[in-house]
Structures are given as structure tokens and as C-alpha cells.
Protein backbone atom coordinates (compact mmCIF):
# COMPACT_ATOMS: atom_id res chain seq x y z
CA MET A 1 -0.37 -0.03 -0.06
CA SER A 2 0.74 3.85 -0.98
CA LEU A 3 2.32 5.77 1.75
CA ILE A 4 0.36 9.01 0.37
CA ASN A 5 -1.95 8.67 -2.09
CA VAL A 6 -3.75 11.91 -3.81
CA ARG A 7 -7.09 11.62 -5.76
CA ASN A 8 -8.72 14.44 -7.63
CA LEU A 9 -7.10 16.83 -5.35
CA SER A 10 -7.88 20.63 -5.76
CA LYS A 11 -7.42 24.06 -4.18
CA ARG A 12 -9.22 27.41 -4.40
CA TYR A 13 -8.58 30.94 -3.11
CA GLY A 14 -10.97 32.86 -4.15
CA GLU A 15 -11.31 33.21 -8.20
CA VAL A 16 -7.75 31.94 -8.06
CA ARG A 17 -7.72 28.02 -8.99
CA ALA A 18 -4.07 27.04 -6.96
CA LEU A 19 -5.01 23.23 -7.75
CA HIS A 20 -7.29 21.47 -10.62
CA ASP A 21 -7.96 17.46 -10.07
CA VAL A 22 -4.29 16.52 -8.66
CA SER A 23 -3.60 12.77 -8.55
CA PHE A 24 -0.74 10.44 -7.84
CA SER A 25 0.33 8.30 -5.15
CA ILE A 26 4.14 7.77 -3.52
CA GLU A 27 5.52 4.86 -1.39
CA ALA A 28 7.24 4.90 1.06
CA GLY A 29 10.87 6.01 0.85
CA GLU A 30 10.44 7.50 -2.18
CA TRP A 31 12.26 11.11 -2.92
CA ILE A 32 9.45 13.21 -5.26
CA ALA A 33 10.83 16.64 -6.41
CA ILE A 34 8.00 18.72 -7.19
CA THR A 35 8.81 21.36 -10.23
CA GLY A 36 7.44 24.08 -11.84
CA PRO A 37 7.53 28.03 -12.23
CA SER A 38 6.69 30.76 -10.00
CA GLY A 39 2.68 30.33 -8.85
CA SER A 40 2.39 26.59 -10.77
CA GLY A 41 0.61 25.39 -7.52
CA LYS A 42 3.96 23.90 -5.49
CA SER A 43 4.14 25.36 -2.33
CA THR A 44 0.01 24.87 -2.05
CA LEU A 45 0.48 21.16 -2.46
CA VAL A 46 3.15 21.33 -0.20
CA ASN A 47 0.79 22.56 2.58
CA LEU A 48 -2.06 20.61 1.80
CA LEU A 49 0.27 17.55 2.23
CA GLY A 50 0.98 18.25 5.94
CA CYS A 51 -2.49 20.17 6.75
CA MET A 52 -1.11 23.64 6.96
CA ASP A 53 -4.29 24.16 4.11
CA VAL A 54 -8.04 22.33 3.92
CA PRO A 55 -8.18 20.79 -0.38
CA THR A 56 -11.40 22.77 -1.62
CA ALA A 57 -11.57 18.97 -3.24
CA GLY A 58 -10.23 15.65 -3.37
CA GLU A 59 -8.74 13.81 -0.43
CA VAL A 60 -4.91 13.09 0.44
CA VAL A 61 -4.90 9.85 2.21
CA PHE A 62 -1.78 8.68 4.51
CA ASN A 63 -1.00 5.18 5.60
CA GLY A 64 -4.55 4.67 4.75
CA GLN A 65 -6.26 7.37 6.68
CA ASP A 66 -8.15 9.85 5.20
CA ILE A 67 -6.53 13.30 6.66
CA GLY A 68 -8.80 15.79 4.85
CA LYS A 69 -11.25 13.74 7.99
CA LEU A 70 -9.98 14.61 10.16
CA GLY A 71 -10.20 17.82 12.94
CA PRO A 72 -8.92 20.44 14.11
CA ALA A 73 -7.16 18.74 17.04
CA GLU A 74 -6.47 15.82 15.25
CA LEU A 75 -4.62 17.37 11.67
CA ALA A 76 -2.58 19.02 14.82
CA VAL A 77 -1.70 15.53 15.88
CA TYR A 78 -1.48 14.12 12.27
CA ARG A 79 1.64 16.81 11.34
CA ARG A 80 3.08 16.62 14.84
CA GLU A 81 3.96 12.74 15.01
CA ASN A 82 3.91 12.20 10.62
CA VAL A 83 5.57 15.50 8.89
CA GLY A 84 9.10 16.93 9.03
CA LEU A 85 9.01 20.46 7.67
CA VAL A 86 12.12 22.33 6.49
CA PHE A 87 12.10 25.73 3.96
CA GLN A 88 13.02 28.07 2.20
CA GLN A 89 13.21 29.97 5.19
CA PHE A 90 14.71 29.30 8.33
CA HIS A 91 12.36 30.09 10.87
CA LEU A 92 14.52 30.30 13.68
CA VAL A 93 14.32 31.80 17.22
CA PRO A 94 16.87 34.53 16.33
CA TYR A 95 17.67 34.31 21.09
CA LEU A 96 17.57 30.78 21.09
CA SER A 97 20.70 28.18 20.68
CA ALA A 98 20.55 25.74 17.90
CA LEU A 99 19.97 23.37 20.34
CA GLU A 100 17.28 25.28 22.24
CA ASN A 101 15.82 25.54 18.80
CA VAL A 102 15.96 21.90 18.09
CA MET A 103 14.09 21.54 22.17
CA LEU A 104 11.58 24.31 20.70
CA ALA A 105 10.59 21.62 18.52
CA GLN A 106 10.63 19.11 21.10
CA TYR A 107 8.18 20.42 23.35
CA LEU A 108 6.00 20.79 20.26
CA HIS A 109 5.90 17.10 20.04
CA SER A 110 5.23 16.43 24.24
CA MET A 111 9.15 15.60 24.96
CA GLU A 112 11.86 17.11 26.15
CA ASP A 113 15.52 15.90 25.79
CA ARG A 114 18.21 17.50 25.68
CA GLU A 115 20.72 14.76 24.99
CA GLU A 116 17.84 13.33 21.87
CA ALA A 117 18.23 16.98 20.31
CA ALA A 118 22.05 16.99 20.25
CA LYS A 119 21.98 13.73 19.14
CA ALA A 120 19.93 15.08 16.09
CA LEU A 121 22.53 18.08 15.49
CA ALA A 122 25.26 15.65 15.39
CA ARG A 123 23.95 14.27 13.06
CA VAL A 124 23.82 17.01 10.57
CA GLY A 125 27.42 17.64 11.47
CA LEU A 126 26.46 20.69 13.79
CA ALA A 127 27.66 18.81 16.74
CA GLU A 128 30.43 21.70 17.63
CA ARG A 129 27.62 24.46 16.49
CA LEU A 130 25.24 23.44 20.24
CA GLN A 131 25.14 26.89 21.60
CA HIS A 132 25.21 29.10 18.63
CA ARG A 133 22.82 31.12 18.23
CA PRO A 134 20.97 31.70 14.31
CA GLY A 135 23.21 34.71 14.06
CA GLN A 136 26.56 32.72 14.24
CA LEU A 137 25.73 30.51 12.02
CA SER A 138 26.12 30.95 8.31
CA GLY A 139 23.07 30.24 6.12
CA GLY A 140 23.91 26.63 6.08
CA GLU A 141 24.52 25.64 8.86
CA GLN A 142 20.57 27.46 9.58
CA GLN A 143 19.30 25.19 7.40
CA ARG A 144 20.94 21.97 9.03
CA VAL A 145 19.53 23.64 11.77
CA CYS A 146 16.05 23.36 10.35
CA VAL A 147 17.08 19.47 9.05
CA ALA A 148 17.74 18.15 12.53
CA ARG A 149 14.09 20.34 14.07
CA ALA A 150 12.28 18.28 11.72
CA LEU A 151 13.59 15.20 12.36
CA ILE A 152 13.31 15.19 15.89
CA ASN A 153 9.68 14.01 15.77
CA HIS A 154 11.10 10.87 13.82
CA PRO A 155 8.92 11.53 11.00
CA LYS A 156 7.27 9.00 8.45
CA LEU A 157 7.29 12.29 6.04
CA ILE A 158 9.61 14.98 4.74
CA LEU A 159 8.35 18.06 2.88
CA ALA A 160 10.69 20.54 1.99
CA ASP A 161 10.11 23.60 0.11
CA GLU A 162 12.94 25.40 -1.74
CA PRO A 163 15.13 24.07 1.26
CA THR A 164 18.45 25.21 -0.92
CA GLY A 165 16.51 28.72 -2.68
CA ASN A 166 19.02 30.91 0.21
CA LEU A 167 21.99 28.90 0.22
CA ASP A 168 24.79 29.80 -2.20
CA GLU A 169 26.20 26.11 -3.95
CA GLU A 170 28.93 26.06 -1.06
CA ASN A 171 26.67 25.54 1.45
CA ALA A 172 23.47 24.24 -0.69
CA ALA A 173 25.16 20.58 -1.75
CA LEU A 174 26.32 19.69 2.11
CA VAL A 175 22.76 20.18 2.27
CA LEU A 176 21.80 18.79 -0.43
CA GLY A 177 24.31 16.27 0.68
CA LEU A 178 22.37 15.59 4.03
CA PHE A 179 18.92 15.31 1.90
CA THR A 180 20.77 12.10 0.05
CA LYS A 181 21.76 10.47 3.66
CA LEU A 182 18.18 10.76 4.84
CA HIS A 183 16.83 9.05 1.71
CA ASN A 184 19.49 6.43 1.49
CA GLU A 185 18.12 6.06 4.93
CA GLY A 186 14.92 5.33 4.37
CA HIS A 187 13.39 8.78 4.66
CA THR A 188 10.64 9.91 2.61
CA ILE A 189 11.13 13.30 1.06
CA VAL A 190 9.20 15.57 -1.12
CA MET A 191 10.78 18.16 -2.39
CA VAL A 192 10.03 21.32 -4.08
CA THR A 193 12.62 23.00 -6.26
CA HIS A 194 13.57 25.08 -9.31
CA SER A 195 16.81 23.31 -10.27
CA PRO A 196 16.56 20.80 -12.50
CA GLU A 197 19.92 19.76 -11.06
CA ILE A 198 18.64 18.89 -7.19
CA ALA A 199 15.58 17.37 -8.85
CA ARG A 200 17.46 14.64 -10.63
CA LEU A 201 18.42 13.47 -7.71
CA ALA A 202 14.50 12.25 -7.34
CA ASN A 203 12.60 9.05 -7.50
CA ARG A 204 10.11 10.86 -9.24
CA ARG A 205 9.38 13.99 -10.40
CA PHE A 206 6.23 16.18 -10.78
CA GLU A 207 5.66 19.30 -13.43
CA LEU A 208 3.05 21.51 -12.62
CA ARG A 209 1.74 23.95 -14.47
CA HIS A 210 -1.34 26.28 -13.78
CA GLY A 211 -2.40 24.03 -10.92
CA ALA A 212 -1.96 20.60 -12.78
CA VAL A 213 0.29 17.57 -12.77
CA LYS A 214 1.82 18.60 -16.51
CA THR A 215 4.37 15.85 -16.33
CA GLU A 216 5.54 12.55 -13.89
CA THR A 217 8.73 11.36 -14.90
CA ARG A 218 10.48 8.41 -13.53
CA THR A 219 14.58 9.22 -12.75
CA SER A 220 16.93 6.90 -15.05
CA LYS A 221 20.50 6.58 -14.90
CA GLU A 222 20.67 9.08 -17.76
CA GLU A 223 22.99 8.33 -20.85
CA GLU A 224 26.02 10.19 -19.87
CA GLU A 225 25.92 9.21 -16.07
CA LEU A 226 26.48 5.20 -16.98
CA HIS A 227 29.72 7.25 -18.96
CA ASP A 228 30.57 8.45 -16.31
CA ASP A 229 29.90 5.26 -14.07
CA VAL A 230 32.42 3.48 -17.27
CA LEU A 231 35.12 6.06 -17.68
CA GLN A 232 35.32 5.58 -13.32
CA GLN A 233 35.71 1.65 -14.11
CA LEU A 234 38.60 2.56 -16.27
CA TRP A 235 40.21 4.98 -14.08
CA GLU A 236 40.23 2.20 -11.44
CA ARG A 237 41.00 -0.57 -13.57
CA VAL A 238 44.53 1.72 -14.35
CA GLU A 239 44.79 3.19 -11.03
CA ALA A 240 44.92 -0.70 -9.36
CA GLY A 241 47.97 -1.41 -11.89
CA ALA A 242 46.59 -2.63 -15.17
CA ALA A 243 47.65 -1.71 -18.61
CA PRO A 244 46.23 1.52 -20.24
CA ASN A 245 46.02 -0.77 -23.26
CA VAL A 246 44.31 -3.31 -22.12
CA CYS A 247 41.51 -1.66 -19.17
CA ALA A 248 38.79 -2.22 -20.91
CA ASP A 249 38.56 -6.30 -20.60
CA GLY A 250 37.01 -7.03 -17.56
CA PRO A 251 33.89 -8.25 -17.22
CA SER A 252 31.39 -5.45 -15.74
CA LEU A 253 32.73 -3.44 -18.35
CA LEU A 254 32.48 -5.85 -21.01
CA GLU A 255 28.96 -5.79 -20.53
CA ASN A 256 28.94 -2.84 -21.25
CA ARG A 257 30.56 -2.68 -24.56
CA SER A 258 27.42 -0.88 -26.40
CA LEU A 259 27.82 2.35 -24.06
CA LEU A 260 31.64 1.50 -24.62
CA LEU A 261 30.97 2.17 -28.76
CA ALA A 262 28.69 5.21 -28.11
CA MET A 263 32.08 6.67 -25.55
CA GLU A 264 34.43 5.83 -29.18
CA ARG A 265 31.90 7.97 -30.49
CA LEU A 266 32.93 10.66 -28.34
CA GLN A 267 35.91 10.69 -28.13
CA LEU A 268 35.82 9.25 -24.64
CA VAL A 269 37.67 5.84 -26.05
CA VAL A 270 39.45 4.91 -28.42
CA PRO A 271 39.33 0.75 -29.62
CA GLU A 272 42.98 -0.87 -29.31
CA GLY A 273 43.69 -4.70 -29.33
CA GLY A 274 39.84 -5.81 -28.91
CA THR A 275 40.05 -3.70 -25.84
CA PHE A 276 39.11 0.34 -25.02
CA ALA A 277 41.45 2.66 -23.42
CA LEU A 278 40.71 6.30 -22.20
CA THR A 279 41.87 8.95 -24.34
CA GLU A 280 42.91 12.26 -22.91
CA LYS A 281 39.55 13.43 -23.65
CA GLY A 282 38.16 10.69 -21.23
CA ARG A 283 40.81 11.08 -18.90
CA LEU A 284 40.59 14.29 -18.24
CA ARG A 285 37.05 13.45 -18.35
CA ALA A 286 37.24 9.98 -15.56
CA SER A 287 39.96 12.50 -13.13
CA ASP A 288 36.94 15.14 -12.67
CA ILE A 289 34.70 12.67 -11.92
CA ILE A 290 36.74 10.50 -9.68
CA ARG A 291 37.98 13.67 -8.08
CA ARG A 292 33.85 14.53 -6.96
CA HIS A 293 33.11 11.30 -5.81
CA ARG A 294 36.39 11.21 -3.38
CA LEU A 295 35.81 14.48 -1.94
CA ALA A 296 32.18 13.28 -1.71
CA GLU A 297 32.84 10.71 0.26
CA VAL A 298 35.24 12.83 2.55
CA LEU A 299 32.28 15.34 3.04
CA PHE A 300 29.78 12.78 4.52
CA ARG A 301 32.04 10.68 6.99
CA ASP A 302 34.15 14.22 8.39
CA THR A 303 30.75 16.86 7.82
CA PHE A 304 28.18 14.35 8.24
CA GLU A 305 29.91 11.79 10.01
CA ILE A 306 28.81 8.74 8.09
CA ARG A 307 31.27 5.56 9.38
CA SER A 308 29.65 2.92 7.24
CA ASN A 309 31.75 2.52 4.03
CA ASP A 310 28.44 1.31 2.21
CA GLN A 311 26.11 4.35 2.79
CA ILE A 312 29.18 6.35 2.25
CA GLU A 313 29.54 5.13 -0.94
CA SER A 314 26.22 5.25 -2.13
CA ASN A 315 25.97 8.66 -0.65
CA ALA A 316 29.41 9.92 -3.23
CA CYS A 317 27.36 8.27 -5.92
CA VAL A 318 24.75 10.52 -6.06
CA LEU A 319 25.84 13.38 -5.08
CA GLU A 320 29.02 13.36 -7.59
CA HIS A 321 26.58 13.74 -10.83
CA VAL A 322 24.96 17.33 -9.40
CA LEU A 323 28.48 18.97 -8.18
CA SER A 324 28.98 22.19 -10.36
CA ALA A 325 33.07 22.40 -11.31
CA GLU A 326 33.10 25.43 -8.58
CA VAL A 327 31.13 23.36 -5.95
CA THR A 328 33.42 21.23 -6.25
CA GLU A 329 36.51 23.39 -5.58
CA SER A 330 34.80 25.13 -2.49
CA ILE A 331 34.07 21.91 -1.03
CA CYS A 332 37.88 20.77 -1.50
CA LYS A 333 38.59 24.10 0.10
CA PHE A 334 36.41 23.68 2.58
CA LEU A 335 37.67 20.11 3.25
CA LYS A 336 41.45 21.61 3.84
CA HIS A 337 41.95 20.03 0.23
CA PRO A 338 42.33 16.37 0.86
CA THR A 339 45.02 14.55 -0.80
CA GLN A 340 43.28 10.73 -0.18
CA CYS A 341 39.42 9.00 0.06
CA PRO A 342 38.65 7.43 3.39
CA HIS A 343 39.53 4.59 1.46
CA GLY A 344 43.02 5.51 0.89
CA ARG A 345 42.93 5.79 -2.47
CA PRO A 346 44.38 9.83 -4.12
CA ILE A 347 41.74 12.07 -4.70
CA PRO A 348 43.08 13.92 -7.94
CA ARG A 349 43.93 17.33 -7.46
CA GLY A 350 42.73 20.42 -8.12
CA ALA A 351 43.07 24.44 -9.56
CA CYS A 352 42.45 25.07 -6.27
CA CYS A 353 44.84 22.03 -4.62
CA GLU A 354 47.36 24.11 -6.99
CA GLN A 355 46.65 27.44 -5.96
CA SER A 356 47.51 26.66 -2.39
CA GLY A 357 49.73 24.59 -2.32
CA LYS A 358 48.49 22.42 1.57
CA PHE A 359 47.31 19.43 1.14
CA ARG A 360 45.90 17.26 3.77
CA VAL A 361 45.87 13.80 4.17
CA VAL A 362 42.41 12.06 5.34
CA THR A 363 42.47 8.84 7.46
CA THR A 364 41.13 5.72 6.55
CA GLY A 365 40.34 4.30 10.20
């Protein structure tokens, strides 16, 4: 059974039609991106899913229960127990510390546990910022406090309305890394975004136009990402000691021979004696992919304190495809130019490393 079923949902504000006859379902553990131009109904839909507004017509069924039939008090209980909210605006109390802002949310949930609030902040990489007030935190740190606050009631659904809208690229990447981690842990996420790159992280994308779902796209491995995966395999085989001109003869790569032929047309690989080798263009692109992936691994381990190698790897695999060159350089500077990933493999140097002349060795323990 789906976690959420939206059936013929409509919302009007006077003569203005914000949503019209919207229907879809969301499975537990899915990441849904809601896209569309301003005024298309994105925030209205999030408000209805989060019980911050009531529909004019239609229904929202959550875990088998029609929440439209709940009274005001029951809706408040539903929202407290099932929904975590993250907005573009942080809505933090300015005179309270990060810890106290999270504990305030606990109070609203009829609970108060200082240790659990501290753990929630540590989970989002803010263990050293517990006593800092919002004005003493960067925008990215404030948004991470908001995520910790949203998670304190262990929600079944996380609703995020433009969570990176007020952040620079570096902080946006950190927050997206956190959402990637949450998704890989099994959380259900519905996120409003204007960014096609962010929307690509989701399992499905709903594009709204004039209050209706215009398109629904199920995200799959795009050809470009498949090319990146093959280039990464080729790089790692050469790195492990295989000769460059026999680097594409492994079983997993032979299964991708059709991709390799397509990559040959793009001048990323060249056939040599029945195998394939990287061209200079392919080598540069592979180096960039490896650099993004291994920096992401360091980011997840050091900033978000993930210790499971499998989780580090899976999170990095997602994030590597959405990091721009500028954000990659910013992350490298933020991490103080590490030379190794958590697995002890070298991180290709970037322009920022050459300029700084400083490198940090990352231990593998």
C-alpha cells in the first residue's frame, strides 16, 4: 500500500484556482521532486500534504487514513507525529541557541530530551555548534538546524519547500548531501525545487503547470551518468595497475561494450587490440568524476559523520553527478584539500589545490 494517495485534489482561493484535479501516489522511501514555474501550485500542494491548509475538493490519504476527515485537533496531532517541515526561510527563534531551537520543537511534540536534540544536531554535522544562536551560524548551518528540528519527531514524511533557495552553492551542496543521506536511510521526501540538477536526485519528478500535473518523470540512469560510471571503472582499473591499453577487458566492462562504442563516438575511449583505452579527453573527464566522488566521500564521513563504508559510497555516487566544478572546488577548500578518500585512494588534484599548495591527509581508520 502506498504511503500517500492524492486523489482529484483541488484548491481555490476565491476566484483563483491554485490546484486542479491533481492525483498521484507516493511509496514509502521515495524521493519526489515537485517542479514548475512560480505560481504553478507547488507550495500549495506541499501545504496540503502537510495539513497546513485544507483542500477545496479531493482527498489526501496518508497511510490509509483520509486526513481531510480529521478535525483541527486531530490534524495537529497528525502533523506533529508524521510530518517534518523544512522551508526556504529558516524560521529559527533568534535568541535561542541551535540546541534550544531543536528542543522547542520537542516541546511542541510533548517531549523534551536534551541528549536527543544534541544527537539530532550532531547527525547534521553541527555537534560543535550546539550553543550558537542563528545569527552566529552561516545560512547552510541554519538550514541544517532546521533539518535537525524537522527530524526530531522521527517523521514518516519530510516536506521541503525550496530548502536550498537562500543558500550559496557550497552550502546548498552540503544540505543536498544531507537530504541524500536521509533518503538512503529510507526517509520519504517531497521537495519543491526550481533546480533541474536537484530534481535529478529524486526518484520521480512532478512538473506542475497552472495547478495541474503536466508531466511525471521517473528518473533513471541517464546515458551521461552511465558514461561516467564506465569512465570511473576504467580509471580504477588503471589505478590498480592494469595497462592503459587493456583497461576495458574486465567482465563488468564487457557487459557495457555497447556503451563503450557510443563513448568512442564521443572520443572518450579508443579501441586498441579488441579492448578500449581512455583518450586524453576521457582521462580528464574520468579524473574529474573520481575527484568529485572521492571528495564527496570525505564530505560525508567528516561533515556528516557517516561511518558505514556502504553508506559513504552510495551517498557519494548520487552527489557526484550533481556537483558543478565551482561547488567541487568550494568543497575541496572547505575540506582543506584532502589527498586521500576514506578508503585510502588518492584524490586527483584540482586547480584550487595547485593554487593553495596545501594538502590534508585523510586517515582511513
